[in-house]
């Protein structure tokens, strides 16, 4: 029901603790008490692979949502999903937006409501917030825009729109 003291001591020695949500390694029974008692992950990631993509891991956004609803502030969830992992793998040029950095951006919409999240034991946790990807930019190019955030209203579309053969 609480994190062992040796975990805090290991962190003090430089050990990095990553969520690494896999098909069997993320349980609310461990994560919730740890966060409540001041032991939060240094970084957030998935152990996503072909054998768990259709299970409880789903995607990075889902893992971020679980940590967000356990109690980590949104800014920390973003930081520990971007900047921190990039540093941990020895690529400090990734995970941030600054002059000269590669323009990889996920734009999220923060939804408020009633949501349910599943852990590896197939138990659920209710939450009141959920990040939803609204736009993705990879290397400066829009690669995901399901609701047309980057597109003009049809009435303002460029001339080519009006000449399409439909």
N, C-alpha and C. Protein backbone atom coordinates (compact mmCIF):
# COMPACT_ATOMS: atom_id res chain seq x y z
N UNK A 1 0.79 -1.23 0.00
CA UNK A 1 0.00 0.00 0.00
C UNK A 1 0.81 1.27 0.00
N UNK A 2 2.14 1.15 0.04
CA UNK A 2 2.97 2.36 -0.03
C UNK A 2 4.31 1.99 -0.65
N UNK A 3 4.95 2.98 -1.29
CA UNK A 3 6.25 2.69 -1.89
C UNK A 3 7.31 2.44 -0.83
N UNK A 4 8.16 1.47 -1.07
CA UNK A 4 9.24 1.15 -0.14
C UNK A 4 10.28 2.27 -0.13
N UNK A 5 10.90 2.48 1.01
CA UNK A 5 11.91 3.52 1.18
C UNK A 5 13.07 3.34 0.20
N UNK A 6 13.41 2.09 -0.13
CA UNK A 6 14.55 1.87 -1.02
C UNK A 6 14.31 2.45 -2.42
N UNK A 7 13.05 2.65 -2.80
CA UNK A 7 12.76 3.27 -4.09
C UNK A 7 13.18 4.74 -4.08
N UNK A 8 12.87 5.43 -3.00
CA UNK A 8 13.28 6.83 -2.87
C UNK A 8 14.81 6.94 -2.82
N UNK A 9 15.44 6.01 -2.12
CA UNK A 9 16.89 6.01 -2.01
C UNK A 9 17.53 5.74 -3.38
N UNK A 10 16.94 4.84 -4.14
CA UNK A 10 17.46 4.55 -5.48
C UNK A 10 17.34 5.78 -6.38
N UNK A 11 16.22 6.47 -6.29
CA UNK A 11 16.04 7.70 -7.08
C UNK A 11 17.11 8.72 -6.68
N UNK A 12 17.38 8.85 -5.41
CA UNK A 12 18.41 9.78 -4.94
C UNK A 12 19.79 9.43 -5.51
N UNK A 13 20.01 8.13 -5.78
CA UNK A 13 21.29 7.68 -6.36
C UNK A 13 21.31 7.83 -7.88
N UNK A 14 20.19 8.25 -8.47
CA UNK A 14 20.17 8.45 -9.91
C UNK A 14 19.39 7.42 -10.71
N UNK A 15 18.76 6.46 -10.04
CA UNK A 15 17.94 5.48 -10.75
C UNK A 15 16.71 6.19 -11.29
N UNK A 16 16.39 5.91 -12.55
CA UNK A 16 15.25 6.53 -13.24
C UNK A 16 14.07 5.57 -13.20
N UNK A 17 12.91 6.08 -12.87
CA UNK A 17 11.70 5.27 -12.82
C UNK A 17 10.75 5.71 -13.92
N UNK A 18 10.50 4.79 -14.84
CA UNK A 18 9.63 5.04 -15.98
C UNK A 18 8.38 4.17 -15.85
N UNK A 19 7.24 4.73 -16.26
CA UNK A 19 6.00 3.94 -16.21
C UNK A 19 6.13 2.71 -17.09
N UNK A 20 6.50 2.87 -18.35
CA UNK A 20 6.67 1.73 -19.24
C UNK A 20 5.47 0.80 -19.24
N UNK A 21 4.28 1.35 -19.38
CA UNK A 21 3.03 0.59 -19.33
C UNK A 21 3.05 -0.53 -20.36
N UNK A 22 3.14 -1.73 -19.90
CA UNK A 22 3.09 -2.89 -20.78
C UNK A 22 1.81 -3.67 -20.54
N UNK A 23 1.76 -4.86 -21.08
CA UNK A 23 0.55 -5.69 -20.95
C UNK A 23 0.40 -6.29 -19.56
N UNK A 24 1.44 -6.21 -18.72
CA UNK A 24 1.34 -6.80 -17.39
C UNK A 24 2.00 -5.99 -16.30
N UNK A 25 2.39 -4.75 -16.57
CA UNK A 25 3.20 -4.04 -15.60
C UNK A 25 2.62 -2.72 -15.08
N UNK A 26 1.35 -2.46 -15.34
CA UNK A 26 0.76 -1.22 -14.82
C UNK A 26 -0.53 -1.56 -14.09
N UNK A 27 -0.50 -1.33 -12.78
CA UNK A 27 -1.63 -1.67 -11.92
C UNK A 27 -2.01 -0.45 -11.10
N UNK A 28 -3.28 -0.10 -11.08
CA UNK A 28 -3.74 1.03 -10.27
C UNK A 28 -3.45 0.79 -8.79
N UNK A 29 -3.51 -0.47 -8.35
CA UNK A 29 -3.27 -0.80 -6.94
C UNK A 29 -1.87 -0.38 -6.50
N UNK A 30 -0.93 -0.27 -7.45
CA UNK A 30 0.42 0.20 -7.14
C UNK A 30 0.60 1.67 -7.49
N UNK A 31 0.11 2.06 -8.64
CA UNK A 31 0.34 3.42 -9.14
C UNK A 31 -0.34 4.49 -8.30
N UNK A 32 -1.58 4.26 -7.91
CA UNK A 32 -2.32 5.27 -7.16
C UNK A 32 -1.69 5.54 -5.79
N UNK A 33 -1.44 4.51 -4.96
CA UNK A 33 -0.79 4.80 -3.67
C UNK A 33 0.60 5.43 -3.83
N UNK A 34 1.35 4.99 -4.82
CA UNK A 34 2.69 5.57 -5.03
C UNK A 34 2.59 7.06 -5.31
N UNK A 35 1.71 7.44 -6.22
CA UNK A 35 1.54 8.86 -6.55
C UNK A 35 1.03 9.64 -5.34
N UNK A 36 0.09 9.08 -4.63
CA UNK A 36 -0.47 9.76 -3.46
C UNK A 36 0.58 10.00 -2.38
N UNK A 37 1.61 9.17 -2.36
CA UNK A 37 2.64 9.28 -1.34
C UNK A 37 3.95 9.87 -1.89
N UNK A 38 3.83 10.58 -3.00
CA UNK A 38 4.96 11.35 -3.50
C UNK A 38 5.95 10.61 -4.36
N UNK A 39 5.61 9.41 -4.83
CA UNK A 39 6.52 8.68 -5.70
C UNK A 39 5.90 8.59 -7.09
N UNK A 40 6.20 9.58 -7.91
CA UNK A 40 5.66 9.60 -9.27
C UNK A 40 6.74 9.19 -10.25
N UNK A 41 6.35 8.76 -11.44
CA UNK A 41 7.36 8.34 -12.42
C UNK A 41 8.19 9.51 -12.92
N UNK A 42 9.46 9.23 -13.22
CA UNK A 42 10.33 10.25 -13.80
C UNK A 42 9.96 10.48 -15.27
N UNK A 43 9.51 9.42 -15.91
CA UNK A 43 9.11 9.52 -17.31
C UNK A 43 7.92 8.61 -17.55
N UNK A 44 7.21 8.91 -18.62
CA UNK A 44 6.01 8.16 -18.98
C UNK A 44 6.22 7.61 -20.38
N UNK A 45 6.02 6.31 -20.53
CA UNK A 45 6.14 5.68 -21.84
C UNK A 45 5.23 4.45 -21.88
N UNK A 46 5.23 3.83 -23.03
CA UNK A 46 4.50 2.57 -23.18
C UNK A 46 5.49 1.48 -23.51
N UNK A 47 5.10 0.29 -23.26
CA UNK A 47 5.83 -0.88 -23.75
C UNK A 47 4.94 -1.44 -24.85
N UNK A 48 4.62 -0.59 -25.81
CA UNK A 48 3.66 -0.93 -26.85
C UNK A 48 4.30 -1.82 -27.91
N UNK A 49 3.66 -2.92 -28.20
CA UNK A 49 4.13 -3.83 -29.25
C UNK A 49 2.93 -4.58 -29.81
N UNK A 50 3.14 -5.38 -30.83
CA UNK A 50 2.03 -6.01 -31.53
C UNK A 50 1.17 -6.90 -30.64
N UNK A 51 1.72 -7.38 -29.55
CA UNK A 51 0.94 -8.27 -28.68
C UNK A 51 0.12 -7.54 -27.62
N UNK A 52 0.28 -6.20 -27.50
CA UNK A 52 -0.53 -5.51 -26.49
C UNK A 52 -1.23 -4.26 -27.02
N UNK A 53 -1.11 -3.98 -28.29
CA UNK A 53 -1.74 -2.77 -28.84
C UNK A 53 -3.27 -2.83 -28.75
N UNK A 54 -3.82 -4.01 -28.78
CA UNK A 54 -5.28 -4.14 -28.68
C UNK A 54 -5.71 -4.54 -27.27
N UNK A 55 -4.84 -4.34 -26.31
CA UNK A 55 -5.13 -4.67 -24.93
C UNK A 55 -5.34 -3.41 -24.12
N UNK A 56 -4.70 -3.37 -22.96
CA UNK A 56 -4.92 -2.25 -22.04
C UNK A 56 -3.99 -1.07 -22.29
N UNK A 57 -2.91 -1.27 -23.06
CA UNK A 57 -1.97 -0.18 -23.30
C UNK A 57 -2.56 0.82 -24.30
N UNK A 58 -3.02 0.35 -25.42
CA UNK A 58 -3.66 1.08 -26.51
C UNK A 58 -2.68 2.04 -27.20
N UNK A 59 -2.25 3.10 -26.52
CA UNK A 59 -1.35 4.08 -27.13
C UNK A 59 -0.78 4.99 -26.04
N UNK A 60 0.12 5.87 -26.44
CA UNK A 60 0.77 6.78 -25.50
C UNK A 60 -0.25 7.70 -24.83
N UNK A 61 -1.17 8.19 -25.61
CA UNK A 61 -2.19 9.11 -25.09
C UNK A 61 -2.99 8.45 -23.96
N UNK A 62 -3.31 7.19 -24.10
CA UNK A 62 -4.06 6.47 -23.06
C UNK A 62 -3.23 6.36 -21.78
N UNK A 63 -1.95 6.06 -21.93
CA UNK A 63 -1.07 5.97 -20.77
C UNK A 63 -0.96 7.34 -20.08
N UNK A 64 -0.82 8.38 -20.87
CA UNK A 64 -0.78 9.74 -20.31
C UNK A 64 -2.06 10.05 -19.55
N UNK A 65 -3.20 9.64 -20.09
CA UNK A 65 -4.48 9.88 -19.44
C UNK A 65 -4.59 9.17 -18.09
N UNK A 66 -4.05 7.98 -18.01
CA UNK A 66 -4.08 7.24 -16.75
C UNK A 66 -3.28 8.00 -15.69
N UNK A 67 -2.09 8.45 -16.04
CA UNK A 67 -1.24 9.17 -15.09
C UNK A 67 -1.88 10.51 -14.72
N UNK A 68 -2.47 11.18 -15.69
CA UNK A 68 -3.16 12.45 -15.44
C UNK A 68 -4.28 12.25 -14.43
N UNK A 69 -5.06 11.21 -14.58
CA UNK A 69 -6.19 10.98 -13.69
C UNK A 69 -5.79 10.39 -12.34
N UNK A 70 -4.60 9.85 -12.25
CA UNK A 70 -4.09 9.42 -10.94
C UNK A 70 -3.73 10.63 -10.10
N UNK A 71 -3.43 11.74 -10.78
CA UNK A 71 -3.17 12.96 -10.02
C UNK A 71 -1.98 13.80 -10.45
N UNK A 72 -1.24 13.37 -11.46
CA UNK A 72 -0.13 14.19 -11.91
C UNK A 72 -0.67 15.39 -12.69
N UNK A 73 -0.19 16.60 -12.42
CA UNK A 73 -0.65 17.78 -13.16
C UNK A 73 -0.35 17.65 -14.66
N UNK A 74 -1.22 18.23 -15.47
CA UNK A 74 -1.10 18.14 -16.92
C UNK A 74 0.28 18.55 -17.42
N UNK A 75 0.80 19.65 -16.94
CA UNK A 75 2.11 20.12 -17.39
C UNK A 75 3.19 19.07 -17.13
N UNK A 76 3.12 18.39 -15.99
CA UNK A 76 4.09 17.34 -15.66
C UNK A 76 3.90 16.12 -16.56
N UNK A 77 2.66 15.77 -16.84
CA UNK A 77 2.39 14.63 -17.73
C UNK A 77 3.04 14.88 -19.09
N UNK A 78 2.87 16.09 -19.62
CA UNK A 78 3.46 16.43 -20.92
C UNK A 78 4.98 16.40 -20.83
N UNK A 79 5.54 17.04 -19.82
CA UNK A 79 6.99 17.10 -19.64
C UNK A 79 7.59 15.70 -19.51
N UNK A 80 6.96 14.86 -18.72
CA UNK A 80 7.50 13.51 -18.46
C UNK A 80 7.22 12.54 -19.61
N UNK A 81 6.46 13.00 -20.60
CA UNK A 81 6.20 12.21 -21.81
C UNK A 81 7.04 12.68 -22.99
N UNK A 82 7.73 13.80 -22.83
CA UNK A 82 8.46 14.39 -23.95
C UNK A 82 9.92 14.67 -23.58
N UNK A 83 10.14 15.71 -22.79
CA UNK A 83 11.50 16.16 -22.47
C UNK A 83 12.27 15.09 -21.69
N UNK A 84 11.68 14.57 -20.65
CA UNK A 84 12.39 13.61 -19.80
C UNK A 84 12.81 12.35 -20.55
N UNK A 85 11.92 11.69 -21.30
CA UNK A 85 12.37 10.49 -22.02
C UNK A 85 13.47 10.79 -23.05
N UNK A 86 13.37 11.94 -23.71
CA UNK A 86 14.41 12.30 -24.69
C UNK A 86 15.77 12.40 -24.01
N UNK A 87 15.81 13.01 -22.85
CA UNK A 87 17.07 13.11 -22.10
C UNK A 87 17.55 11.74 -21.65
N UNK A 88 16.61 10.91 -21.20
CA UNK A 88 16.97 9.58 -20.69
C UNK A 88 17.61 8.70 -21.76
N UNK A 89 17.22 8.87 -23.00
CA UNK A 89 17.80 8.06 -24.08
C UNK A 89 18.97 8.75 -24.77
N UNK A 90 19.41 9.87 -24.19
CA UNK A 90 20.57 10.56 -24.73
C UNK A 90 20.31 11.40 -25.96
N UNK A 91 19.07 11.87 -26.10
CA UNK A 91 18.71 12.74 -27.23
C UNK A 91 18.04 14.01 -26.74
N UNK A 92 18.81 14.90 -26.09
CA UNK A 92 18.22 16.13 -25.56
C UNK A 92 17.73 17.09 -26.65
N UNK A 93 18.06 16.81 -27.89
CA UNK A 93 17.55 17.64 -28.99
C UNK A 93 16.09 17.33 -29.31
N UNK A 94 15.57 16.25 -28.76
CA UNK A 94 14.17 15.86 -28.98
C UNK A 94 13.32 16.24 -27.76
N UNK A 95 12.01 16.20 -27.94
CA UNK A 95 11.09 16.36 -26.82
C UNK A 95 10.75 17.78 -26.46
N UNK A 96 11.16 18.74 -27.26
CA UNK A 96 10.85 20.14 -26.94
C UNK A 96 10.73 20.93 -28.25
N UNK A 97 10.19 22.10 -28.14
CA UNK A 97 10.07 23.01 -29.28
C UNK A 97 10.95 24.21 -29.02
N UNK A 98 11.99 24.34 -29.79
CA UNK A 98 12.86 25.50 -29.71
C UNK A 98 13.51 25.67 -31.07
N UNK A 99 14.17 26.77 -31.27
CA UNK A 99 14.81 27.05 -32.55
C UNK A 99 15.76 25.91 -32.90
N UNK A 100 15.61 25.37 -34.10
CA UNK A 100 16.47 24.30 -34.57
C UNK A 100 15.98 22.91 -34.24
N UNK A 101 14.98 22.79 -33.38
CA UNK A 101 14.46 21.47 -33.03
C UNK A 101 13.54 20.97 -34.13
N UNK A 102 13.49 19.65 -34.28
CA UNK A 102 12.57 19.05 -35.25
C UNK A 102 11.14 19.33 -34.80
N UNK A 103 10.30 19.75 -35.73
CA UNK A 103 8.92 20.13 -35.39
C UNK A 103 8.02 18.90 -35.35
N UNK A 104 8.09 18.17 -34.25
CA UNK A 104 7.18 17.06 -33.98
C UNK A 104 6.26 17.54 -32.86
N UNK A 105 4.98 17.65 -33.17
CA UNK A 105 4.04 18.24 -32.22
C UNK A 105 2.76 17.42 -32.19
N UNK A 106 2.29 17.13 -30.99
CA UNK A 106 0.96 16.57 -30.80
C UNK A 106 0.13 17.64 -30.11
N UNK A 107 -0.94 18.04 -30.73
CA UNK A 107 -1.84 19.03 -30.14
C UNK A 107 -3.01 18.26 -29.54
N UNK A 108 -3.18 18.44 -28.24
CA UNK A 108 -4.24 17.73 -27.53
C UNK A 108 -5.37 18.67 -27.14
N UNK A 109 -6.55 18.11 -27.10
CA UNK A 109 -7.71 18.79 -26.53
C UNK A 109 -7.95 18.12 -25.18
N UNK A 110 -8.12 18.93 -24.13
CA UNK A 110 -8.39 18.38 -22.81
C UNK A 110 -9.89 18.34 -22.60
N UNK A 111 -10.43 17.14 -22.55
CA UNK A 111 -11.87 16.94 -22.36
C UNK A 111 -12.16 16.78 -20.88
N UNK A 112 -13.31 17.27 -20.46
CA UNK A 112 -13.79 17.10 -19.10
C UNK A 112 -15.05 16.24 -19.16
N UNK A 113 -15.19 15.31 -18.26
CA UNK A 113 -16.36 14.44 -18.27
C UNK A 113 -16.14 13.24 -17.39
N UNK A 114 -16.77 12.14 -17.76
CA UNK A 114 -16.62 10.88 -17.04
C UNK A 114 -15.96 9.88 -17.97
N UNK A 115 -14.79 9.39 -17.56
CA UNK A 115 -14.03 8.48 -18.39
C UNK A 115 -13.59 7.29 -17.55
N UNK A 116 -13.30 6.19 -18.21
CA UNK A 116 -12.87 4.99 -17.51
C UNK A 116 -11.56 4.51 -18.13
N UNK A 117 -10.65 4.07 -17.29
CA UNK A 117 -9.34 3.60 -17.72
C UNK A 117 -9.10 2.22 -17.14
N UNK A 118 -8.36 1.38 -17.86
CA UNK A 118 -8.17 -0.02 -17.50
C UNK A 118 -6.70 -0.30 -17.23
N UNK A 119 -6.43 -1.06 -16.16
CA UNK A 119 -5.05 -1.44 -15.88
C UNK A 119 -4.80 -2.87 -16.33
N UNK A 120 -3.61 -3.38 -16.05
CA UNK A 120 -3.22 -4.71 -16.52
C UNK A 120 -3.97 -5.85 -15.83
N UNK A 121 -4.57 -5.56 -14.69
CA UNK A 121 -5.37 -6.56 -14.00
C UNK A 121 -6.81 -6.55 -14.46
N UNK A 122 -7.09 -5.75 -15.48
CA UNK A 122 -8.45 -5.59 -16.03
C UNK A 122 -9.39 -4.98 -15.00
N UNK A 123 -8.84 -4.10 -14.16
CA UNK A 123 -9.66 -3.31 -13.23
C UNK A 123 -9.73 -1.90 -13.79
N UNK A 124 -10.78 -1.16 -13.44
CA UNK A 124 -10.96 0.18 -14.00
C UNK A 124 -10.78 1.25 -12.93
N UNK A 125 -10.47 2.43 -13.43
CA UNK A 125 -10.41 3.62 -12.61
C UNK A 125 -11.21 4.69 -13.35
N UNK A 126 -12.06 5.37 -12.63
CA UNK A 126 -12.82 6.47 -13.21
C UNK A 126 -11.99 7.74 -13.16
N UNK A 127 -12.15 8.58 -14.16
CA UNK A 127 -11.45 9.85 -14.20
C UNK A 127 -12.34 10.92 -14.77
N UNK A 128 -11.96 12.18 -14.58
CA UNK A 128 -12.79 13.28 -15.06
C UNK A 128 -12.13 14.11 -16.16
N UNK A 129 -10.96 13.66 -16.64
CA UNK A 129 -10.30 14.37 -17.73
C UNK A 129 -9.67 13.38 -18.69
N UNK A 130 -9.55 13.84 -19.93
CA UNK A 130 -9.01 12.96 -20.95
C UNK A 130 -8.39 13.80 -22.07
N UNK A 131 -7.16 13.49 -22.40
CA UNK A 131 -6.51 14.13 -23.54
C UNK A 131 -6.95 13.42 -24.81
N UNK A 132 -7.26 14.21 -25.82
CA UNK A 132 -7.63 13.67 -27.12
C UNK A 132 -6.78 14.37 -28.17
N UNK A 133 -6.13 13.59 -29.01
CA UNK A 133 -5.26 14.19 -30.02
C UNK A 133 -6.11 14.89 -31.07
N UNK A 134 -5.81 16.17 -31.30
CA UNK A 134 -6.55 16.98 -32.26
C UNK A 134 -5.74 17.24 -33.53
N UNK A 135 -4.41 17.16 -33.42
CA UNK A 135 -3.56 17.47 -34.57
C UNK A 135 -2.16 16.92 -34.28
N UNK A 136 -1.52 16.35 -35.31
CA UNK A 136 -0.15 15.88 -35.17
C UNK A 136 0.69 16.43 -36.31
N UNK A 137 1.85 16.97 -35.93
CA UNK A 137 2.82 17.48 -36.89
C UNK A 137 4.07 16.64 -36.74
N UNK A 138 4.59 16.11 -37.87
CA UNK A 138 5.83 15.32 -37.87
C UNK A 138 6.81 15.98 -38.82
N UNK A 139 7.95 16.39 -38.30
CA UNK A 139 8.99 17.05 -39.10
C UNK A 139 8.42 18.27 -39.84
N UNK A 140 7.53 18.98 -39.16
CA UNK A 140 6.99 20.21 -39.73
C UNK A 140 5.80 20.02 -40.66
N UNK A 141 5.38 18.78 -40.89
CA UNK A 141 4.26 18.50 -41.79
C UNK A 141 3.08 17.93 -41.01
N UNK A 142 1.89 18.41 -41.29
CA UNK A 142 0.69 17.90 -40.63
C UNK A 142 0.43 16.49 -41.14
N UNK A 143 0.35 15.53 -40.21
CA UNK A 143 0.13 14.14 -40.59
C UNK A 143 -1.17 13.57 -40.02
N UNK A 144 -1.81 14.32 -39.11
CA UNK A 144 -3.07 13.87 -38.52
C UNK A 144 -3.88 15.10 -38.17
N UNK A 145 -5.05 15.21 -38.75
CA UNK A 145 -5.91 16.37 -38.53
C UNK A 145 -7.37 15.95 -38.75
N UNK A 146 -7.89 15.10 -37.85
CA UNK A 146 -9.21 14.51 -38.08
C UNK A 146 -10.38 15.50 -38.12
N UNK A 147 -10.25 16.64 -37.46
CA UNK A 147 -11.36 17.59 -37.46
C UNK A 147 -11.07 18.82 -38.30
N UNK A 148 -9.97 18.83 -39.03
CA UNK A 148 -9.68 19.92 -39.96
C UNK A 148 -9.21 21.21 -39.32
N UNK A 149 -8.52 21.14 -38.19
CA UNK A 149 -8.05 22.36 -37.53
C UNK A 149 -7.17 23.21 -38.44
N UNK A 150 -6.42 22.57 -39.33
CA UNK A 150 -5.49 23.30 -40.20
C UNK A 150 -6.11 23.68 -41.54
N UNK A 151 -7.36 23.33 -41.75
CA UNK A 151 -8.00 23.51 -43.05
C UNK A 151 -8.97 24.69 -43.04
N UNK A 152 -9.15 25.32 -44.21
CA UNK A 152 -10.10 26.44 -44.27
C UNK A 152 -11.54 25.93 -44.24
N UNK A 153 -12.44 26.79 -43.82
CA UNK A 153 -13.88 26.48 -43.94
C UNK A 153 -14.18 26.32 -45.42
N UNK A 154 -15.13 25.48 -45.76
CA UNK A 154 -15.38 25.19 -47.16
C UNK A 154 -15.68 26.45 -47.96
N UNK A 155 -16.35 27.43 -47.32
CA UNK A 155 -16.68 28.67 -48.03
C UNK A 155 -15.42 29.47 -48.38
N UNK A 156 -14.34 29.28 -47.62
CA UNK A 156 -13.10 30.02 -47.82
C UNK A 156 -12.01 29.19 -48.48
N UNK A 157 -12.37 28.03 -48.99
CA UNK A 157 -11.39 27.12 -49.59
C UNK A 157 -10.75 27.76 -50.82
N UNK A 158 -9.51 27.38 -51.14
CA UNK A 158 -8.83 27.95 -52.31
C UNK A 158 -9.51 27.55 -53.62
N UNK A 159 -9.13 28.21 -54.68
CA UNK A 159 -9.75 27.99 -55.99
C UNK A 159 -9.75 26.53 -56.41
N UNK A 160 -8.67 25.81 -56.12
CA UNK A 160 -8.58 24.41 -56.53
C UNK A 160 -9.73 23.58 -55.95
N UNK A 161 -10.19 23.93 -54.79
CA UNK A 161 -11.31 23.22 -54.15
C UNK A 161 -12.55 23.29 -55.04
N UNK A 162 -12.77 24.42 -55.63
CA UNK A 162 -13.98 24.64 -56.41
C UNK A 162 -13.90 24.00 -57.79
N UNK A 163 -12.70 23.58 -58.21
CA UNK A 163 -12.53 22.98 -59.53
C UNK A 163 -12.40 21.45 -59.48
N UNK A 164 -12.45 20.88 -58.31
CA UNK A 164 -12.33 19.42 -58.22
C UNK A 164 -13.50 18.77 -58.93
N UNK A 165 -13.27 17.62 -59.57
CA UNK A 165 -14.31 16.97 -60.42
C UNK A 165 -15.33 16.14 -59.65
N UNK A 166 -15.89 16.66 -58.61
CA UNK A 166 -16.90 15.89 -57.86
C UNK A 166 -18.26 16.54 -57.97
